Amino acid sequence: RQIVIDRPDLKGREEILRVHMRNIKLLDNVDCASIARQTPGFSGADLANLANEAALLAARNNKDGVGMVELQASIERVMAGPERKSRVISDKEKKIVAYHESGHTLLALLVPGADPLHKVSIIPRGTAALGYTMQVPMEDRYLTSRMELLGRLAVLMGGRAAEELVFGEITTGAHNDIEVATNIARRMVCEFGMSEKMGNL
């Protein structure tokens, strides 16, 4: 017998978070529902990791308990990797990264159907990210419209467009954006039947 266990929905994430935070001293400002809303696609293991990271952060900073600040930082850590403040980046590259992320940010604010903007940073994270723009949907989604997918493509390509407009030059900074955008565009044409030329392919 095969039992398929899907990733938890909003209610499931909230309940899983409560289980993992049972033995952690929480501050009064902690809102599990808000954290659950900000973690679509997280598995039970991701949520356990999030709670653990938040507890470690609070201990490192000599806090009395885990608050929303630690939980927010943990979400970013699980999603994008740990901060790399020690990574030395030249002023020129910082400027390019700042404009690149600004391109994503502006389009996230201007394009209809784009997920709401949550945070923008030019602090390097993980092994590759020199900056990131985080968007968080207001609710779990099981269907995505063509307009929403086109909005995602526009936001993804906004970083490269900003580099080109401001510096008249492009860099390797958009390689992951292009990879994700290509995957979305290919699926729109080859799986979702959203191409006017190709039809319901």
C-alpha atoms as a PDB file:
ATOM      1  CA  ARG A   1       0.000   0.000   0.000  1.00  0.00           C
ATOM      2  CA  GLN A   2       1.317   3.462  -0.888  1.00  0.00           C
ATOM      3  CA  ILE A   3       0.268   6.408   1.251  1.00  0.00           C
ATOM      4  CA  VAL A   4       0.953   9.810  -0.273  1.00  0.00           C
ATOM      5  CA  ILE A   5       1.637  12.498   2.302  1.00  0.00           C
ATOM      6  CA  ASP A   6       1.362  15.915   0.715  1.00  0.00           C
ATOM      7  CA  ARG A   7       3.030  19.038   2.091  1.00  0.00           C
ATOM      8  CA  PRO A   8       0.881  20.567   4.841  1.00  0.00           C
ATOM      9  CA  ASP A   9      -1.666  23.287   4.102  1.00  0.00           C
ATOM     10  CA  LEU A  10      -1.985  26.512   6.124  1.00  0.00           C
ATOM     11  CA  LYS A  11      -3.869  24.883   9.028  1.00  0.00           C
ATOM     12  CA  GLY A  12      -1.496  21.907   9.006  1.00  0.00           C
ATOM     13  CA  ARG A  13       1.585  24.155   9.100  1.00  0.00           C
ATOM     14  CA  GLU A  14       0.177  26.079  12.060  1.00  0.00           C
ATOM     15  CA  GLU A  15      -0.486  22.863  13.983  1.00  0.00           C
ATOM     16  CA  ILE A  16       2.955  21.430  13.139  1.00  0.00           C
ATOM     17  CA  LEU A  17       4.604  24.675  14.304  1.00  0.00           C
ATOM     18  CA  ARG A  18       2.739  24.474  17.618  1.00  0.00           C
ATOM     19  CA  VAL A  19       4.035  20.905  18.127  1.00  0.00           C
ATOM     20  CA  HIS A  20       7.648  21.911  17.436  1.00  0.00           C
ATOM     21  CA  MET A  21       7.417  25.035  19.600  1.00  0.00           C
ATOM     22  CA  ARG A  22       5.873  23.229  22.604  1.00  0.00           C
ATOM     23  CA  ASN A  23       9.200  22.990  24.447  1.00  0.00           C
ATOM     24  CA  ILE A  24      10.478  26.430  23.391  1.00  0.00           C
ATOM     25  CA  LYS A  25       9.904  29.494  25.552  1.00  0.00           C
ATOM     26  CA  LEU A  26       7.930  31.913  23.361  1.00  0.00           C
ATOM     27  CA  LEU A  27       7.495  35.663  23.810  1.00  0.00           C
ATOM     28  CA  ASP A  28       3.968  37.125  23.904  1.00  0.00           C
ATOM     29  CA  ASN A  29       4.261  38.589  20.384  1.00  0.00           C
ATOM     30  CA  VAL A  30       4.563  35.183  18.657  1.00  0.00           C
ATOM     31  CA  ASP A  31       1.778  34.594  16.124  1.00  0.00           C
ATOM     32  CA  CYS A  32       1.883  31.001  14.795  1.00  0.00           C
ATOM     33  CA  ALA A  33      -0.832  31.753  12.205  1.00  0.00           C
ATOM     34  CA  SER A  34       1.288  34.562  10.716  1.00  0.00           C
ATOM     35  CA  ILE A  35       4.378  32.318  10.503  1.00  0.00           C
ATOM     36  CA  ALA A  36       2.280  29.536   8.903  1.00  0.00           C
ATOM     37  CA  ARG A  37       1.035  32.056   6.282  1.00  0.00           C
ATOM     38  CA  GLN A  38       4.625  33.010   5.418  1.00  0.00           C
ATOM     39  CA  THR A  39       5.780  29.421   4.870  1.00  0.00           C
ATOM     40  CA  PRO A  40       3.805  27.977   1.920  1.00  0.00           C
ATOM     41  CA  GLY A  41       5.458  24.834   0.575  1.00  0.00           C
ATOM     42  CA  PHE A  42       7.340  24.119   3.818  1.00  0.00           C
ATOM     43  CA  SER A  43       7.406  20.462   4.849  1.00  0.00           C
ATOM     44  CA  GLY A  44       7.120  19.255   8.449  1.00  0.00           C
ATOM     45  CA  ALA A  45      10.922  18.917   8.534  1.00  0.00           C
ATOM     46  CA  ASP A  46      11.335  22.526   7.287  1.00  0.00           C
ATOM     47  CA  LEU A  47       9.034  23.749  10.063  1.00  0.00           C
ATOM     48  CA  ALA A  48      10.950  21.741  12.685  1.00  0.00           C
ATOM     49  CA  ASN A  49      14.166  23.276  11.356  1.00  0.00           C
ATOM     50  CA  LEU A  50      12.593  26.754  11.505  1.00  0.00           C
ATOM     51  CA  ALA A  51      11.619  26.333  15.190  1.00  0.00           C
ATOM     52  CA  ASN A  52      15.069  24.969  16.034  1.00  0.00           C
ATOM     53  CA  GLU A  53      16.874  27.823  14.215  1.00  0.00           C
ATOM     54  CA  ALA A  54      14.716  30.404  16.017  1.00  0.00           C
ATOM     55  CA  ALA A  55      15.598  28.872  19.407  1.00  0.00           C
ATOM     56  CA  LEU A  56      19.317  28.898  18.523  1.00  0.00           C
ATOM     57  CA  LEU A  57      19.110  32.546  17.397  1.00  0.00           C
ATOM     58  CA  ALA A  58      17.391  33.584  20.625  1.00  0.00           C
ATOM     59  CA  ALA A  59      20.026  31.746  22.698  1.00  0.00           C
ATOM     60  CA  ARG A  60      22.879  33.290  20.673  1.00  0.00           C
ATOM     61  CA  ASN A  61      21.476  36.778  21.291  1.00  0.00           C
ATOM     62  CA  ASN A  62      20.829  36.138  25.015  1.00  0.00           C
ATOM     63  CA  LYS A  63      17.081  36.648  24.613  1.00  0.00           C
ATOM     64  CA  ASP A  64      14.570  35.547  27.272  1.00  0.00           C
ATOM     65  CA  GLY A  65      12.579  33.658  24.662  1.00  0.00           C
ATOM     66  CA  VAL A  66      11.823  33.248  20.970  1.00  0.00           C
ATOM     67  CA  GLY A  67       9.972  36.184  19.390  1.00  0.00           C
ATOM     68  CA  MET A  68       8.748  37.117  15.932  1.00  0.00           C
ATOM     69  CA  VAL A  69      12.164  38.624  15.053  1.00  0.00           C
ATOM     70  CA  GLU A  70      13.864  35.245  15.500  1.00  0.00           C
ATOM     71  CA  LEU A  71      11.094  33.387  13.676  1.00  0.00           C
ATOM     72  CA  GLN A  72      11.235  35.791  10.692  1.00  0.00           C
ATOM     73  CA  ALA A  73      15.025  35.433  10.534  1.00  0.00           C
ATOM     74  CA  SER A  74      14.651  31.643  10.670  1.00  0.00           C
ATOM     75  CA  ILE A  75      12.234  31.642   7.723  1.00  0.00           C
ATOM     76  CA  GLU A  76      14.849  33.447   5.623  1.00  0.00           C
ATOM     77  CA  ARG A  77      17.567  31.112   6.852  1.00  0.00           C
ATOM     78  CA  VAL A  78      15.564  28.005   5.868  1.00  0.00           C
ATOM     79  CA  MET A  79      14.519  29.506   2.500  1.00  0.00           C
ATOM     80  CA  ALA A  80      17.746  31.214   1.395  1.00  0.00           C
ATOM     81  CA  GLY A  81      20.501  29.859   3.650  1.00  0.00           C
ATOM     82  CA  PRO A  82      22.514  31.523   6.423  1.00  0.00           C
ATOM     83  CA  GLU A  83      23.715  35.131   6.137  1.00  0.00           C
ATOM     84  CA  ARG A  84      27.281  35.499   4.856  1.00  0.00           C
ATOM     85  CA  LYS A  85      28.229  38.848   6.362  1.00  0.00           C
ATOM     86  CA  SER A  86      31.894  37.894   6.175  1.00  0.00           C
ATOM     87  CA  ARG A  87      31.782  37.697   2.368  1.00  0.00           C
ATOM     88  CA  VAL A  88      33.677  40.705   1.026  1.00  0.00           C
ATOM     89  CA  ILE A  89      31.942  42.279  -1.966  1.00  0.00           C
ATOM     90  CA  SER A  90      33.287  45.342  -3.782  1.00  0.00           C
ATOM     91  CA  ASP A  91      31.246  48.564  -3.817  1.00  0.00           C
ATOM     92  CA  LYS A  92      30.749  48.169  -7.573  1.00  0.00           C
ATOM     93  CA  GLU A  93      29.253  44.693  -7.166  1.00  0.00           C
ATOM     94  CA  LYS A  94      27.110  45.819  -4.214  1.00  0.00           C
ATOM     95  CA  LYS A  95      25.693  48.555  -6.433  1.00  0.00           C
ATOM     96  CA  ILE A  96      24.906  46.057  -9.220  1.00  0.00           C
ATOM     97  CA  VAL A  97      23.212  43.690  -6.724  1.00  0.00           C
ATOM     98  CA  ALA A  98      21.213  46.593  -5.243  1.00  0.00           C
ATOM     99  CA  TYR A  99      19.900  47.664  -8.665  1.00  0.00           C
ATOM    100  CA  HIS A 100      19.245  44.019  -9.622  1.00  0.00           C
ATOM    101  CA  GLU A 101      17.100  43.447  -6.512  1.00  0.00           C
ATOM    102  CA  SER A 102      15.403  46.841  -7.061  1.00  0.00           C
ATOM    103  CA  GLY A 103      14.331  45.605 -10.506  1.00  0.00           C
ATOM    104  CA  HIS A 104      12.636  42.566  -8.947  1.00  0.00           C
ATOM    105  CA  THR A 105      11.105  44.730  -6.209  1.00  0.00           C
ATOM    106  CA  LEU A 106       9.606  47.383  -8.486  1.00  0.00           C
ATOM    107  CA  LEU A 107       7.969  44.797 -10.694  1.00  0.00           C
ATOM    108  CA  ALA A 108       6.669  42.852  -7.686  1.00  0.00           C
ATOM    109  CA  LEU A 109       4.934  46.085  -6.628  1.00  0.00           C
ATOM    110  CA  LEU A 110       3.720  47.127 -10.090  1.00  0.00           C
ATOM    111  CA  VAL A 111       2.746  43.932 -11.933  1.00  0.00           C
ATOM    112  CA  PRO A 112      -0.892  42.834 -11.472  1.00  0.00           C
ATOM    113  CA  GLY A 113      -1.204  39.379  -9.952  1.00  0.00           C
ATOM    114  CA  ALA A 114       2.320  39.305  -8.472  1.00  0.00           C
ATOM    115  CA  ASP A 115       2.645  37.889  -4.950  1.00  0.00           C
ATOM    116  CA  PRO A 116       2.944  40.580  -2.245  1.00  0.00           C
ATOM    117  CA  LEU A 117       6.458  41.809  -1.506  1.00  0.00           C
ATOM    118  CA  HIS A 118       7.761  40.668   1.890  1.00  0.00           C
ATOM    119  CA  LYS A 119      11.446  41.609   2.090  1.00  0.00           C
ATOM    120  CA  VAL A 120      14.399  42.726  -0.035  1.00  0.00           C
ATOM    121  CA  SER A 121      18.012  42.283   0.992  1.00  0.00           C
ATOM    122  CA  ILE A 122      21.498  42.670  -0.445  1.00  0.00           C
ATOM    123  CA  ILE A 123      23.136  40.672   2.352  1.00  0.00           C
ATOM    124  CA  PRO A 124      24.603  37.508   0.779  1.00  0.00           C
ATOM    125  CA  ARG A 125      22.985  34.231   1.881  1.00  0.00           C
ATOM    126  CA  GLY A 126      23.822  30.582   1.364  1.00  0.00           C
ATOM    127  CA  THR A 127      26.443  29.581  -1.174  1.00  0.00           C
ATOM    128  CA  ALA A 128      25.304  31.627  -4.169  1.00  0.00           C
ATOM    129  CA  ALA A 129      22.742  34.368  -3.400  1.00  0.00           C
ATOM    130  CA  LEU A 130      24.260  37.866  -3.282  1.00  0.00           C
ATOM    131  CA  GLY A 131      20.829  39.330  -2.550  1.00  0.00           C
ATOM    132  CA  TYR A 132      17.205  38.275  -2.689  1.00  0.00           C
ATOM    133  CA  THR A 133      13.669  39.574  -3.058  1.00  0.00           C
ATOM    134  CA  MET A 134      11.135  37.603  -1.032  1.00  0.00           C
ATOM    135  CA  GLN A 135       7.468  37.501  -2.000  1.00  0.00           C
ATOM    136  CA  VAL A 136       4.918  35.704   0.161  1.00  0.00           C
ATOM    137  CA  PRO A 137       1.451  34.753  -1.134  1.00  0.00           C
ATOM    138  CA  MET A 138      -1.485  35.724   1.083  1.00  0.00           C
ATOM    139  CA  GLU A 139      -2.875  32.160   0.987  1.00  0.00           C
ATOM    140  CA  ASP A 140      -2.052  28.666  -0.227  1.00  0.00           C
ATOM    141  CA  ARG A 141      -2.772  28.293  -3.933  1.00  0.00           C
ATOM    142  CA  TYR A 142      -3.581  25.156  -5.863  1.00  0.00           C
ATOM    143  CA  LEU A 143      -4.303  26.843  -9.207  1.00  0.00           C
ATOM    144  CA  THR A 144      -2.289  29.566 -10.922  1.00  0.00           C
ATOM    145  CA  SER A 145      -3.692  31.757 -13.695  1.00  0.00           C
ATOM    146  CA  ARG A 146      -1.859  32.680 -16.900  1.00  0.00           C
ATOM    147  CA  MET A 147      -1.744  36.315 -15.708  1.00  0.00           C
ATOM    148  CA  GLU A 148      -0.095  35.273 -12.426  1.00  0.00           C
ATOM    149  CA  LEU A 149       2.515  33.195 -14.275  1.00  0.00           C
ATOM    150  CA  LEU A 150       3.270  36.078 -16.657  1.00  0.00           C
ATOM    151  CA  GLY A 151       3.603  38.303 -13.583  1.00  0.00           C
ATOM    152  CA  ARG A 152       6.122  35.861 -12.101  1.00  0.00           C
ATOM    153  CA  LEU A 153       8.113  35.902 -15.349  1.00  0.00           C
ATOM    154  CA  ALA A 154       8.158  39.710 -15.352  1.00  0.00           C
ATOM    155  CA  VAL A 155       9.371  39.872 -11.730  1.00  0.00           C
ATOM    156  CA  LEU A 156      12.043  37.217 -12.367  1.00  0.00           C
ATOM    157  CA  MET A 157      13.414  39.093 -15.383  1.00  0.00           C
ATOM    158  CA  GLY A 158      13.203  42.499 -13.639  1.00  0.00           C
ATOM    159  CA  GLY A 159      16.678  42.119 -12.116  1.00  0.00           C
ATOM    160  CA  ARG A 160      18.356  41.577 -15.481  1.00  0.00           C
ATOM    161  CA  ALA A 161      16.329  44.448 -17.014  1.00  0.00           C
ATOM    162  CA  ALA A 162      17.431  46.834 -14.236  1.00  0.00           C
ATOM    163  CA  GLU A 163      21.106  45.918 -14.750  1.00  0.00           C
ATOM    164  CA  GLU A 164      20.788  46.579 -18.473  1.00  0.00           C
ATOM    165  CA  LEU A 165      18.957  49.907 -18.016  1.00  0.00           C
ATOM    166  CA  VAL A 166      21.265  51.320 -15.344  1.00  0.00           C
ATOM    167  CA  PHE A 167      24.680  49.953 -16.344  1.00  0.00           C
ATOM    168  CA  GLY A 168      24.217  49.235 -20.069  1.00  0.00           C
ATOM    169  CA  GLU A 169      25.751  45.835 -19.279  1.00  0.00           C
ATOM    170  CA  ILE A 170      24.559  42.474 -18.017  1.00  0.00           C
ATOM    171  CA  THR A 171      26.168  40.135 -15.464  1.00  0.00           C
ATOM    172  CA  THR A 172      25.937  36.514 -14.404  1.00  0.00           C
ATOM    173  CA  GLY A 173      23.713  37.576 -11.454  1.00  0.00           C
ATOM    174  CA  ALA A 174      20.525  36.604 -13.294  1.00  0.00           C
ATOM    175  CA  HIS A 175      21.500  32.978 -14.013  1.00  0.00           C
ATOM    176  CA  ASN A 176      19.101  31.490 -11.445  1.00  0.00           C
ATOM    177  CA  ASP A 177      16.302  33.921 -12.453  1.00  0.00           C
ATOM    178  CA  ILE A 178      16.671  32.822 -16.081  1.00  0.00           C
ATOM    179  CA  GLU A 179      16.642  29.138 -15.102  1.00  0.00           C
ATOM    180  CA  VAL A 180      13.427  29.512 -13.079  1.00  0.00           C
ATOM    181  CA  ALA A 181      11.766  31.724 -15.736  1.00  0.00           C
ATOM    182  CA  THR A 182      12.678  29.256 -18.505  1.00  0.00           C
ATOM    183  CA  ASN A 183      11.146  26.396 -16.530  1.00  0.00           C
ATOM    184  CA  ILE A 184       7.897  28.373 -15.992  1.00  0.00           C
ATOM    185  CA  ALA A 185       7.717  29.463 -19.662  1.00  0.00           C
ATOM    186  CA  ARG A 186       8.368  25.917 -20.922  1.00  0.00           C
ATOM    187  CA  ARG A 187       5.655  24.480 -18.669  1.00  0.00           C
ATOM    188  CA  MET A 188       3.205  27.214 -19.770  1.00  0.00           C
ATOM    189  CA  VAL A 189       3.688  26.155 -23.399  1.00  0.00           C
ATOM    190  CA  CYS A 190       4.247  22.397 -23.090  1.00  0.00           C
ATOM    191  CA  GLU A 191       2.062  21.423 -20.115  1.00  0.00           C
ATOM    192  CA  PHE A 192      -0.520  24.134 -19.392  1.00  0.00           C
ATOM    193  CA  GLY A 193      -1.660  24.912 -22.950  1.00  0.00           C
ATOM    194  CA  MET A 194      -1.134  28.643 -22.424  1.00  0.00           C
ATOM    195  CA  SER A 195       0.546  29.485 -25.734  1.00  0.00           C
ATOM    196  CA  GLU A 196      -1.627  31.221 -28.323  1.00  0.00           C
ATOM    197  CA  LYS A 197       0.528  29.803 -31.165  1.00  0.00           C
ATOM    198  CA  MET A 198       0.811  26.217 -29.873  1.00  0.00           C
ATOM    199  CA  GLY A 199      -2.664  25.902 -28.360  1.00  0.00           C
ATOM    200  CA  ASN A 200      -3.598  23.163 -25.905  1.00  0.00           C
ATOM    201  CA  LEU A 201      -0.342  21.270 -26.038  1.00  0.00           C
END
